[in-house]
């Protein structure tokens, strides 16, 4: 993809905002996603999940750990919810199979 005319000559790729830009747009690589520290153009930027910038390996590691904990909690909640639903549906099915005592034939 050829760089746009607004890209600086030192930039390898032109980064164009998806929403059209304008005075209120904020460049995606301006600040660390976690701590908000400005990201200078002449320093390394540590990326995570393709499009999330971090100022250091430490900030990125904190976000990775946070995401892993959040995913484990989400998985646990979904499992508990599925178990509750299975229990409810299982109890309802067993209640339907119970024959009332007044209709049971008695052998003599």
PDB file of N, CA and C in Angstrom:
ATOM      1  N   UNK A   1       0.857  -1.170   0.000  1.00  0.00           N
ATOM      2  CA  UNK A   1       0.000   0.000   0.000  1.00  0.00           C
ATOM      3  C   UNK A   1       0.900   1.228   0.000  1.00  0.00           C
ATOM      4  N   UNK A   2       0.731   2.135  -0.941  1.00  0.00           N
ATOM      5  CA  UNK A   2       1.593   3.322  -0.988  1.00  0.00           C
ATOM      6  C   UNK A   2       1.274   4.275   0.139  1.00  0.00           C
ATOM      7  N   UNK A   3       2.295   4.937   0.683  1.00  0.00           N
ATOM      8  CA  UNK A   3       2.049   5.883   1.771  1.00  0.00           C
ATOM      9  C   UNK A   3       1.237   7.075   1.276  1.00  0.00           C
ATOM     10  N   UNK A   4       0.448   7.623   2.154  1.00  0.00           N
ATOM     11  CA  UNK A   4      -0.342   8.796   1.796  1.00  0.00           C
ATOM     12  C   UNK A   4       0.558  10.017   1.769  1.00  0.00           C
ATOM     13  N   UNK A   5       0.079  11.071   1.150  1.00  0.00           N
ATOM     14  CA  UNK A   5       0.886  12.284   1.049  1.00  0.00           C
ATOM     15  C   UNK A   5       1.090  12.951   2.399  1.00  0.00           C
ATOM     16  N   UNK A   6       0.241  12.610   3.408  1.00  0.00           N
ATOM     17  CA  UNK A   6       0.382  13.228   4.720  1.00  0.00           C
ATOM     18  C   UNK A   6       1.374  12.499   5.614  1.00  0.00           C
ATOM     19  N   UNK A   7       1.876  11.336   5.172  1.00  0.00           N
ATOM     20  CA  UNK A   7       2.823  10.580   5.986  1.00  0.00           C
ATOM     21  C   UNK A   7       4.178  11.266   5.959  1.00  0.00           C
ATOM     22  N   UNK A   8       4.889  11.211   7.083  1.00  0.00           N
ATOM     23  CA  UNK A   8       6.209  11.827   7.133  1.00  0.00           C
ATOM     24  C   UNK A   8       7.187  10.986   6.332  1.00  0.00           C
ATOM     25  N   UNK A   9       8.263  11.572   5.880  1.00  0.00           N
ATOM     26  CA  UNK A   9       9.235  10.862   5.064  1.00  0.00           C
ATOM     27  C   UNK A   9      10.003   9.826   5.873  1.00  0.00           C
ATOM     28  N   UNK A  10      10.050   9.950   7.208  1.00  0.00           N
ATOM     29  CA  UNK A  10      10.770   8.987   8.027  1.00  0.00           C
ATOM     30  C   UNK A  10       9.924   7.768   8.369  1.00  0.00           C
ATOM     31  N   UNK A  11       8.636   7.813   8.086  1.00  0.00           N
ATOM     32  CA  UNK A  11       7.724   6.724   8.408  1.00  0.00           C
ATOM     33  C   UNK A  11       7.789   5.646   7.333  1.00  0.00           C
ATOM     34  N   UNK A  12       7.862   4.391   7.747  1.00  0.00           N
ATOM     35  CA  UNK A  12       7.868   3.282   6.799  1.00  0.00           C
ATOM     36  C   UNK A  12       6.475   3.050   6.245  1.00  0.00           C
ATOM     37  N   UNK A  13       5.460   3.141   7.103  1.00  0.00           N
ATOM     38  CA  UNK A  13       4.080   2.931   6.691  1.00  0.00           C
ATOM     39  C   UNK A  13       3.243   4.152   7.050  1.00  0.00           C
ATOM     40  N   UNK A  14       2.280   4.427   6.223  1.00  0.00           N
ATOM     41  CA  UNK A  14       1.348   5.504   6.531  1.00  0.00           C
ATOM     42  C   UNK A  14       0.248   4.935   7.410  1.00  0.00           C
ATOM     43  N   UNK A  15      -0.065   5.612   8.499  1.00  0.00           N
ATOM     44  CA  UNK A  15      -1.138   5.183   9.386  1.00  0.00           C
ATOM     45  C   UNK A  15      -2.267   6.184   9.243  1.00  0.00           C
ATOM     46  N   UNK A  16      -3.380   5.698   8.726  1.00  0.00           N
ATOM     47  CA  UNK A  16      -4.523   6.559   8.484  1.00  0.00           C
ATOM     48  C   UNK A  16      -5.638   6.126   9.417  1.00  0.00           C
ATOM     49  N   UNK A  17      -6.214   7.044  10.218  1.00  0.00           N
ATOM     50  CA  UNK A  17      -7.306   6.673  11.121  1.00  0.00           C
ATOM     51  C   UNK A  17      -8.498   6.138  10.347  1.00  0.00           C
ATOM     52  N   UNK A  18      -9.137   5.092  10.881  1.00  0.00           N
ATOM     53  CA  UNK A  18     -10.287   4.481  10.224  1.00  0.00           C
ATOM     54  C   UNK A  18     -11.500   5.396  10.220  1.00  0.00           C
ATOM     55  N   UNK A  19     -11.632   6.261  11.224  1.00  0.00           N
ATOM     56  CA  UNK A  19     -12.821   7.089  11.348  1.00  0.00           C
ATOM     57  C   UNK A  19     -12.691   8.419  10.619  1.00  0.00           C
ATOM     58  N   UNK A  20     -11.704   8.573   9.769  1.00  0.00           N
ATOM     59  CA  UNK A  20     -11.607   9.772   8.958  1.00  0.00           C
ATOM     60  C   UNK A  20     -10.729  10.869   9.521  1.00  0.00           C
ATOM     61  N   UNK A  21     -10.230  10.734  10.723  1.00  0.00           N
ATOM     62  CA  UNK A  21      -9.349  11.740  11.294  1.00  0.00           C
ATOM     63  C   UNK A  21     -10.102  12.942  11.806  1.00  0.00           C
ATOM     64  N   UNK A  22      -9.471  14.074  11.730  1.00  0.00           N
ATOM     65  CA  UNK A  22     -10.087  15.307  12.215  1.00  0.00           C
ATOM     66  C   UNK A  22      -9.378  15.789  13.453  1.00  0.00           C
ATOM     67  N   UNK A  23      -9.789  16.941  13.951  1.00  0.00           N
ATOM     68  CA  UNK A  23      -9.134  17.563  15.098  1.00  0.00           C
ATOM     69  C   UNK A  23      -9.298  16.751  16.371  1.00  0.00           C
ATOM     70  N   UNK A  24     -10.389  16.002  16.501  1.00  0.00           N
ATOM     71  CA  UNK A  24     -10.633  15.261  17.740  1.00  0.00           C
ATOM     72  C   UNK A  24     -10.061  13.850  17.713  1.00  0.00           C
ATOM     73  N   UNK A  25      -9.508  13.404  16.567  1.00  0.00           N
ATOM     74  CA  UNK A  25      -8.988  12.036  16.506  1.00  0.00           C
ATOM     75  C   UNK A  25      -7.676  11.932  17.278  1.00  0.00           C
ATOM     76  N   UNK A  26      -7.432  10.745  17.809  1.00  0.00           N
ATOM     77  CA  UNK A  26      -6.215  10.502  18.585  1.00  0.00           C
ATOM     78  C   UNK A  26      -5.468   9.355  17.927  1.00  0.00           C
ATOM     79  N   UNK A  27      -4.223   9.547  17.657  1.00  0.00           N
ATOM     80  CA  UNK A  27      -3.425   8.510  17.020  1.00  0.00           C
ATOM     81  C   UNK A  27      -3.348   7.290  17.928  1.00  0.00           C
ATOM     82  N   UNK A  28      -3.444   6.107  17.361  1.00  0.00           N
ATOM     83  CA  UNK A  28      -3.480   4.862  18.129  1.00  0.00           C
ATOM     84  C   UNK A  28      -2.199   4.604  18.906  1.00  0.00           C
ATOM     85  N   UNK A  29      -1.095   5.167  18.501  1.00  0.00           N
ATOM     86  CA  UNK A  29       0.189   4.895  19.141  1.00  0.00           C
ATOM     87  C   UNK A  29       0.708   6.075  19.953  1.00  0.00           C
ATOM     88  N   UNK A  30      -0.157   6.938  20.424  1.00  0.00           N
ATOM     89  CA  UNK A  30       0.280   8.113  21.173  1.00  0.00           C
ATOM     90  C   UNK A  30       0.693   7.807  22.605  1.00  0.00           C
ATOM     91  N   UNK A  31       0.044   6.823  23.246  1.00  0.00           N
ATOM     92  CA  UNK A  31       0.290   6.580  24.667  1.00  0.00           C
ATOM     93  C   UNK A  31       0.167   5.097  24.990  1.00  0.00           C
ATOM     94  N   UNK A  32       0.820   4.700  26.076  1.00  0.00           N
ATOM     95  CA  UNK A  32       0.742   3.330  26.573  1.00  0.00           C
ATOM     96  C   UNK A  32      -0.711   3.025  26.958  1.00  0.00           C
ATOM     97  N   UNK A  33      -1.197   1.878  26.543  1.00  0.00           N
ATOM     98  CA  UNK A  33      -2.567   1.477  26.819  1.00  0.00           C
ATOM     99  C   UNK A  33      -2.822   1.335  28.319  1.00  0.00           C
ATOM    100  N   UNK A  34      -1.809   0.882  29.077  1.00  0.00           N
ATOM    101  CA  UNK A  34      -1.986   0.623  30.501  1.00  0.00           C
ATOM    102  C   UNK A  34      -1.768   1.866  31.359  1.00  0.00           C
ATOM    103  N   UNK A  35      -0.614   2.491  31.231  1.00  0.00           N
ATOM    104  CA  UNK A  35      -0.273   3.591  32.140  1.00  0.00           C
ATOM    105  C   UNK A  35      -0.497   4.975  31.546  1.00  0.00           C
ATOM    106  N   UNK A  36      -0.720   5.055  30.238  1.00  0.00           N
ATOM    107  CA  UNK A  36      -0.983   6.335  29.611  1.00  0.00           C
ATOM    108  C   UNK A  36       0.257   7.165  29.305  1.00  0.00           C
ATOM    109  N   UNK A  37       1.434   6.626  29.589  1.00  0.00           N
ATOM    110  CA  UNK A  37       2.685   7.341  29.331  1.00  0.00           C
ATOM    111  C   UNK A  37       2.821   7.589  27.821  1.00  0.00           C
ATOM    112  N   UNK A  38       3.188   8.809  27.419  1.00  0.00           N
ATOM    113  CA  UNK A  38       3.364   9.093  25.996  1.00  0.00           C
ATOM    114  C   UNK A  38       4.417   8.165  25.373  1.00  0.00           C
ATOM    115  N   UNK A  39       4.170   7.751  24.151  1.00  0.00           N
ATOM    116  CA  UNK A  39       5.092   6.867  23.444  1.00  0.00           C
ATOM    117  C   UNK A  39       5.891   7.679  22.428  1.00  0.00           C
ATOM    118  N   UNK A  40       7.179   7.937  22.721  1.00  0.00           N
ATOM    119  CA  UNK A  40       8.005   8.686  21.775  1.00  0.00           C
ATOM    120  C   UNK A  40       8.212   7.881  20.490  1.00  0.00           C
ATOM    121  N   UNK A  41       8.323   8.545  19.386  1.00  0.00           N
ATOM    122  CA  UNK A  41       8.474   7.886  18.079  1.00  0.00           C
ATOM    123  C   UNK A  41       9.825   7.181  17.924  1.00  0.00           C
ATOM    124  N   UNK A  42      10.827   7.573  18.673  1.00  0.00           N
ATOM    125  CA  UNK A  42      12.163   7.011  18.487  1.00  0.00           C
ATOM    126  C   UNK A  42      12.498   5.901  19.493  1.00  0.00           C
ATOM    127  N   UNK A  43      11.513   5.367  20.212  1.00  0.00           N
ATOM    128  CA  UNK A  43      11.730   4.283  21.159  1.00  0.00           C
ATOM    129  C   UNK A  43      10.895   3.071  20.765  1.00  0.00           C
ATOM    130  N   UNK A  44      11.269   1.929  21.325  1.00  0.00           N
ATOM    131  CA  UNK A  44      10.508   0.707  21.060  1.00  0.00           C
ATOM    132  C   UNK A  44       9.106   0.815  21.637  1.00  0.00           C
ATOM    133  N   UNK A  45       8.161   0.262  20.903  1.00  0.00           N
ATOM    134  CA  UNK A  45       6.785   0.145  21.375  1.00  0.00           C
ATOM    135  C   UNK A  45       6.498  -1.342  21.479  1.00  0.00           C
ATOM    136  N   UNK A  46       6.011  -1.785  22.620  1.00  0.00           N
ATOM    137  CA  UNK A  46       5.727  -3.190  22.867  1.00  0.00           C
ATOM    138  C   UNK A  46       4.248  -3.435  22.574  1.00  0.00           C
ATOM    139  N   UNK A  47       3.991  -4.314  21.619  1.00  0.00           N
ATOM    140  CA  UNK A  47       2.627  -4.545  21.159  1.00  0.00           C
ATOM    141  C   UNK A  47       2.054  -5.820  21.780  1.00  0.00           C
ATOM    142  N   UNK A  48       0.722  -5.829  21.896  1.00  0.00           N
ATOM    143  CA  UNK A  48       0.001  -6.992  22.413  1.00  0.00           C
ATOM    144  C   UNK A  48      -1.309  -7.104  21.648  1.00  0.00           C
ATOM    145  N   UNK A  49      -1.649  -8.289  21.247  1.00  0.00           N
ATOM    146  CA  UNK A  49      -2.861  -8.584  20.479  1.00  0.00           C
ATOM    147  C   UNK A  49      -2.941  -7.746  19.209  1.00  0.00           C
ATOM    148  N   UNK A  50      -1.808  -7.481  18.643  1.00  0.00           N
ATOM    149  CA  UNK A  50      -1.749  -6.849  17.338  1.00  0.00           C
ATOM    150  C   UNK A  50      -1.875  -5.342  17.296  1.00  0.00           C
ATOM    151  N   UNK A  51      -2.716  -4.755  18.132  1.00  0.00           N
ATOM    152  CA  UNK A  51      -2.952  -3.326  17.982  1.00  0.00           C
ATOM    153  C   UNK A  51      -2.950  -2.546  19.294  1.00  0.00           C
ATOM    154  N   UNK A  52      -2.440  -3.140  20.352  1.00  0.00           N
ATOM    155  CA  UNK A  52      -2.434  -2.466  21.647  1.00  0.00           C
ATOM    156  C   UNK A  52      -0.995  -2.132  22.036  1.00  0.00           C
ATOM    157  N   UNK A  53      -0.639  -0.828  22.092  1.00  0.00           N
ATOM    158  CA  UNK A  53       0.741  -0.434  22.375  1.00  0.00           C
ATOM    159  C   UNK A  53       1.020  -0.273  23.877  1.00  0.00           C
ATOM    160  N   UNK A  54       2.244  -0.606  24.261  1.00  0.00           N
ATOM    161  CA  UNK A  54       2.697  -0.450  25.648  1.00  0.00           C
ATOM    162  C   UNK A  54       4.086   0.171  25.644  1.00  0.00           C
ATOM    163  N   UNK A  55       4.382   0.921  26.704  1.00  0.00           N
ATOM    164  CA  UNK A  55       5.664   1.612  26.791  1.00  0.00           C
ATOM    165  C   UNK A  55       6.808   0.689  27.216  1.00  0.00           C
ATOM    166  N   UNK A  56       6.470  -0.441  27.853  1.00  0.00           N
ATOM    167  CA  UNK A  56       7.517  -1.330  28.350  1.00  0.00           C
ATOM    168  C   UNK A  56       7.017  -2.768  28.372  1.00  0.00           C
ATOM    169  N   UNK A  57       7.964  -3.675  28.518  1.00  0.00           N
ATOM    170  CA  UNK A  57       7.590  -5.090  28.657  1.00  0.00           C
ATOM    171  C   UNK A  57       6.794  -5.311  29.945  1.00  0.00           C
ATOM    172  N   UNK A  58       7.087  -4.514  30.977  1.00  0.00           N
ATOM    173  CA  UNK A  58       6.389  -4.654  32.256  1.00  0.00           C
ATOM    174  C   UNK A  58       4.907  -4.296  32.111  1.00  0.00           C
ATOM    175  N   UNK A  59       4.609  -3.177  31.463  1.00  0.00           N
ATOM    176  CA  UNK A  59       3.206  -2.788  31.262  1.00  0.00           C
ATOM    177  C   UNK A  59       2.479  -3.841  30.432  1.00  0.00           C
ATOM    178  N   UNK A  60       3.145  -4.327  29.394  1.00  0.00           N
ATOM    179  CA  UNK A  60       2.528  -5.365  28.555  1.00  0.00           C
ATOM    180  C   UNK A  60       2.271  -6.624  29.367  1.00  0.00           C
ATOM    181  N   UNK A  61       3.227  -7.014  30.220  1.00  0.00           N
ATOM    182  CA  UNK A  61       3.064  -8.223  31.038  1.00  0.00           C
ATOM    183  C   UNK A  61       1.899  -8.085  32.020  1.00  0.00           C
ATOM    184  N   UNK A  62       1.739  -6.900  32.598  1.00  0.00           N
ATOM    185  CA  UNK A  62       0.617  -6.660  33.513  1.00  0.00           C
ATOM    186  C   UNK A  62      -0.705  -6.846  32.760  1.00  0.00           C
ATOM    187  N   UNK A  63      -0.801  -6.304  31.540  1.00  0.00           N
ATOM    188  CA  UNK A  63      -2.030  -6.434  30.755  1.00  0.00           C
ATOM    189  C   UNK A  63      -2.286  -7.891  30.375  1.00  0.00           C
ATOM    190  N   UNK A  64      -1.241  -8.616  30.003  1.00  0.00           N
ATOM    191  CA  UNK A  64      -1.386 -10.031  29.653  1.00  0.00           C
ATOM    192  C   UNK A  64      -1.896 -10.806  30.862  1.00  0.00           C
ATOM    193  N   UNK A  65      -1.313 -10.565  32.033  1.00  0.00           N
ATOM    194  CA  UNK A  65      -1.763 -11.243  33.259  1.00  0.00           C
ATOM    195  C   UNK A  65      -3.210 -10.900  33.574  1.00  0.00           C
ATOM    196  N   UNK A  66      -3.562  -9.628  33.436  1.00  0.00           N
ATOM    197  CA  UNK A  66      -4.933  -9.189  33.698  1.00  0.00           C
ATOM    198  C   UNK A  66      -5.906  -9.890  32.756  1.00  0.00           C
ATOM    199  N   UNK A  67      -5.555  -9.965  31.480  1.00  0.00           N
ATOM    200  CA  UNK A  67      -6.417 -10.627  30.502  1.00  0.00           C
ATOM    201  C   UNK A  67      -6.564 -12.119  30.798  1.00  0.00           C
ATOM    202  N   UNK A  68      -5.479 -12.764  31.234  1.00  0.00           N
ATOM    203  CA  UNK A  68      -5.546 -14.188  31.568  1.00  0.00           C
ATOM    204  C   UNK A  68      -6.454 -14.433  32.766  1.00  0.00           C
ATOM    205  N   UNK A  69      -6.350 -13.597  33.793  1.00  0.00           N
ATOM    206  CA  UNK A  69      -7.215 -13.734  34.968  1.00  0.00           C
ATOM    207  C   UNK A  69      -8.667 -13.507  34.568  1.00  0.00           C
ATOM    208  N   UNK A  70      -8.908 -12.475  33.782  1.00  0.00           N
ATOM    209  CA  UNK A  70     -10.271 -12.167  33.322  1.00  0.00           C
ATOM    210  C   UNK A  70     -10.847 -13.344  32.526  1.00  0.00           C
ATOM    211  N   UNK A  71     -10.026 -13.971  31.680  1.00  0.00           N
ATOM    212  CA  UNK A  71     -10.479 -15.111  30.880  1.00  0.00           C
ATOM    213  C   UNK A  71     -10.787 -16.323  31.768  1.00  0.00           C
ATOM    214  N   UNK A  72      -9.942 -16.554  32.795  1.00  0.00           N
ATOM    215  CA  UNK A  72     -10.213 -17.681  33.716  1.00  0.00           C
ATOM    216  C   UNK A  72     -11.512 -17.457  34.482  1.00  0.00           C
ATOM    217  N   UNK A  73     -11.750 -16.224  34.922  1.00  0.00           N
ATOM    218  CA  UNK A  73     -12.987 -15.904  35.646  1.00  0.00           C
ATOM    219  C   UNK A  73     -14.187 -16.094  34.725  1.00  0.00           C
ATOM    220  N   UNK A  74     -14.083 -15.616  33.498  1.00  0.00           N
ATOM    221  CA  UNK A  74     -15.176 -15.755  32.535  1.00  0.00           C
ATOM    222  C   UNK A  74     -15.477 -17.234  32.276  1.00  0.00           C
ATOM    223  N   UNK A  75     -14.439 -18.033  32.101  1.00  0.00           N
ATOM    224  CA  UNK A  75     -14.618 -19.466  31.872  1.00  0.00           C
ATOM    225  C   UNK A  75     -15.281 -20.125  33.073  1.00  0.00           C
ATOM    226  N   UNK A  76     -14.855 -19.764  34.278  1.00  0.00           N
ATOM    227  CA  UNK A  76     -15.440 -20.330  35.495  1.00  0.00           C
ATOM    228  C   UNK A  76     -16.922 -19.973  35.604  1.00  0.00           C
ATOM    229  N   UNK A  77     -17.259 -18.725  35.330  1.00  0.00           N
ATOM    230  CA  UNK A  77     -18.660 -18.278  35.396  1.00  0.00           C
ATOM    231  C   UNK A  77     -19.503 -19.040  34.373  1.00  0.00           C
ATOM    232  N   UNK A  78     -18.988 -19.193  33.154  1.00  0.00           N
ATOM    233  CA  UNK A  78     -19.736 -19.918  32.124  1.00  0.00           C
ATOM    234  C   UNK A  78     -19.946 -21.379  32.507  1.00  0.00           C
ATOM    235  N   UNK A  79     -18.932 -22.004  33.096  1.00  0.00           N
ATOM    236  CA  UNK A  79     -19.076 -23.403  33.541  1.00  0.00           C
ATOM    237  C   UNK A  79     -20.117 -23.520  34.644  1.00  0.00           C
ATOM    238  N   UNK A  80     -20.065 -22.595  35.617  1.00  0.00           N
ATOM    239  CA  UNK A  80     -21.045 -22.621  36.707  1.00  0.00           C
ATOM    240  C   UNK A  80     -22.451 -22.397  36.177  1.00  0.00           C
ATOM    241  N   UNK A  81     -22.605 -21.498  35.248  1.00  0.00           N
ATOM    242  CA  UNK A  81     -23.915 -21.221  34.655  1.00  0.00           C
ATOM    243  C   UNK A  81     -24.429 -22.448  33.900  1.00  0.00           C
ATOM    244  N   UNK A  82     -23.555 -23.109  33.160  1.00  0.00           N
ATOM    245  CA  UNK A  82     -23.945 -24.312  32.430  1.00  0.00           C
ATOM    246  C   UNK A  82     -24.345 -25.423  33.393  1.00  0.00           C
ATOM    247  N   UNK A  83     -23.616 -25.568  34.505  1.00  0.00           N
ATOM    248  CA  UNK A  83     -23.940 -26.596  35.499  1.00  0.00           C
ATOM    249  C   UNK A  83     -25.296 -26.310  36.137  1.00  0.00           C
ATOM    250  N   UNK A  84     -25.573 -25.041  36.452  1.00  0.00           N
ATOM    251  CA  UNK A  84     -26.885 -24.683  37.018  1.00  0.00           C
ATOM    252  C   UNK A  84     -28.003 -24.988  36.031  1.00  0.00           C
ATOM    253  N   UNK A  85     -27.805 -24.635  34.772  1.00  0.00           N
ATOM    254  CA  UNK A  85     -28.819 -24.908  33.751  1.00  0.00           C
ATOM    255  C   UNK A  85     -29.037 -26.401  33.574  1.00  0.00           C
ATOM    256  N   UNK A  86     -27.958 -27.164  33.593  1.00  0.00           N
ATOM    257  CA  UNK A  86     -28.066 -28.621  33.468  1.00  0.00           C
ATOM    258  C   UNK A  86     -28.823 -29.193  34.665  1.00  0.00           C
ATOM    259  N   UNK A  87     -28.540 -28.684  35.854  1.00  0.00           N
ATOM    260  CA  UNK A  87     -29.216 -29.152  37.063  1.00  0.00           C
ATOM    261  C   UNK A  87     -30.710 -28.838  36.993  1.00  0.00           C
ATOM    262  N   UNK A  88     -31.040 -27.614  36.557  1.00  0.00           N
ATOM    263  CA  UNK A  88     -32.451 -27.218  36.440  1.00  0.00           C
ATOM    264  C   UNK A  88     -33.182 -28.079  35.422  1.00  0.00           C
ATOM    265  N   UNK A  89     -32.585 -28.279  34.272  1.00  0.00           N
ATOM    266  CA  UNK A  89     -33.231 -29.070  33.223  1.00  0.00           C
ATOM    267  C   UNK A  89     -33.314 -30.535  33.618  1.00  0.00           C
ATOM    268  N   UNK A  90     -32.322 -31.026  34.300  1.00  0.00           N
ATOM    269  CA  UNK A  90     -32.341 -32.421  34.770  1.00  0.00           C
ATOM    270  C   UNK A  90     -33.428 -32.630  35.808  1.00  0.00           C
ATOM    271  N   UNK A  91     -33.598 -31.688  36.738  1.00  0.00           N
ATOM    272  CA  UNK A  91     -34.629 -31.789  37.774  1.00  0.00           C
ATOM    273  C   UNK A  91     -36.012 -31.708  37.143  1.00  0.00           C
ATOM    274  N   UNK A  92     -36.207 -30.856  36.167  1.00  0.00           N
ATOM    275  CA  UNK A  92     -37.507 -30.718  35.511  1.00  0.00           C
ATOM    276  C   UNK A  92     -37.856 -31.997  34.753  1.00  0.00           C
ATOM    277  N   UNK A  93     -36.883 -32.619  34.122  1.00  0.00           N
ATOM    278  CA  UNK A  93     -37.143 -33.859  33.387  1.00  0.00           C
ATOM    279  C   UNK A  93     -37.512 -34.987  34.339  1.00  0.00           C
ATOM    280  N   UNK A  94     -36.853 -35.081  35.489  1.00  0.00           N
ATOM    281  CA  UNK A  94     -37.168 -36.153  36.435  1.00  0.00           C
ATOM    282  C   UNK A  94     -38.535 -35.928  37.073  1.00  0.00           C
ATOM    283  N   UNK A  95     -38.941 -34.671  37.261  1.00  0.00           N
ATOM    284  CA  UNK A  95     -40.270 -34.384  37.819  1.00  0.00           C
ATOM    285  C   UNK A  95     -41.365 -34.792  36.844  1.00  0.00           C
ATOM    286  N   UNK A  96     -41.139 -34.661  35.550  1.00  0.00           N
ATOM    287  CA  UNK A  96     -42.128 -35.049  34.544  1.00  0.00           C
ATOM    288  C   UNK A  96     -42.302 -36.563  34.499  1.00  0.00           C
ATOM    289  N   UNK A  97     -41.270 -37.323  34.852  1.00  0.00           N
ATOM    290  CA  UNK A  97     -41.356 -38.776  34.767  1.00  0.00           C
ATOM    291  C   UNK A  97     -41.965 -39.414  36.012  1.00  0.00           C
ATOM    292  N   UNK A  98     -42.275 -38.641  37.035  1.00  0.00           N
ATOM    293  CA  UNK A  98     -42.878 -39.177  38.258  1.00  0.00           C
ATOM    294  C   UNK A  98     -44.381 -39.326  38.034  1.00  0.00           C
ATOM    295  N   UNK A  99     -44.902 -40.519  38.321  1.00  0.00           N
ATOM    296  CA  UNK A  99     -46.341 -40.791  38.192  1.00  0.00           C
ATOM    297  C   UNK A  99     -47.001 -40.513  39.528  1.00  0.00           C
ATOM    298  N   UNK A 100     -48.118 -39.779  39.519  1.00  0.00           N
ATOM    299  CA  UNK A 100     -48.798 -39.512  40.785  1.00  0.00           C
ATOM    300  C   UNK A 100     -49.253 -40.828  41.441  1.00  0.00           C
ATOM    301  N   UNK A 101     -49.210 -40.862  42.762  1.00  0.00           N
ATOM    302  CA  UNK A 101     -49.526 -42.092  43.517  1.00  0.00           C
ATOM    303  C   UNK A 101     -50.951 -42.592  43.298  1.00  0.00           C
ATOM    304  N   UNK A 102     -51.912 -41.730  43.031  1.00  0.00           N
ATOM    305  CA  UNK A 102     -53.303 -42.141  42.834  1.00  0.00           C
ATOM    306  C   UNK A 102     -53.530 -42.944  41.567  1.00  0.00           C
ATOM    307  N   UNK A 103     -52.627 -42.918  40.585  1.00  0.00           N
ATOM    308  CA  UNK A 103     -52.810 -43.605  39.326  1.00  0.00           C
ATOM    309  C   UNK A 103     -51.978 -44.887  39.213  1.00  0.00           C
ATOM    310  N   UNK A 104     -51.341 -45.294  40.288  1.00  0.00           N
ATOM    311  CA  UNK A 104     -50.474 -46.460  40.231  1.00  0.00           C
ATOM    312  C   UNK A 104     -51.304 -47.713  40.529  1.00  0.00           C
ATOM    313  N   UNK A 105     -51.285 -48.692  39.621  1.00  0.00           N
ATOM    314  CA  UNK A 105     -52.037 -49.930  39.893  1.00  0.00           C
ATOM    315  C   UNK A 105     -51.371 -50.723  41.003  1.00  0.00           C
ATOM    316  N   UNK A 106     -52.186 -51.338  41.836  1.00  0.00           N
ATOM    317  CA  UNK A 106     -51.699 -52.124  42.973  1.00  0.00           C
ATOM    318  C   UNK A 106     -52.016 -53.594  42.714  1.00  0.00           C
ATOM    319  N   UNK A 107     -51.012 -54.434  42.823  1.00  0.00           N
ATOM    320  CA  UNK A 107     -51.217 -55.875  42.613  1.00  0.00           C
ATOM    321  C   UNK A 107     -51.817 -56.482  43.866  1.00  0.00           C
ATOM    322  N   UNK A 108     -52.793 -57.410  43.673  1.00  0.00           N
ATOM    323  CA  UNK A 108     -53.379 -58.040  44.838  1.00  0.00           C
ATOM    324  C   UNK A 108     -53.109 -59.508  44.896  1.00  0.00           C
TER     325      UNK A 108
END
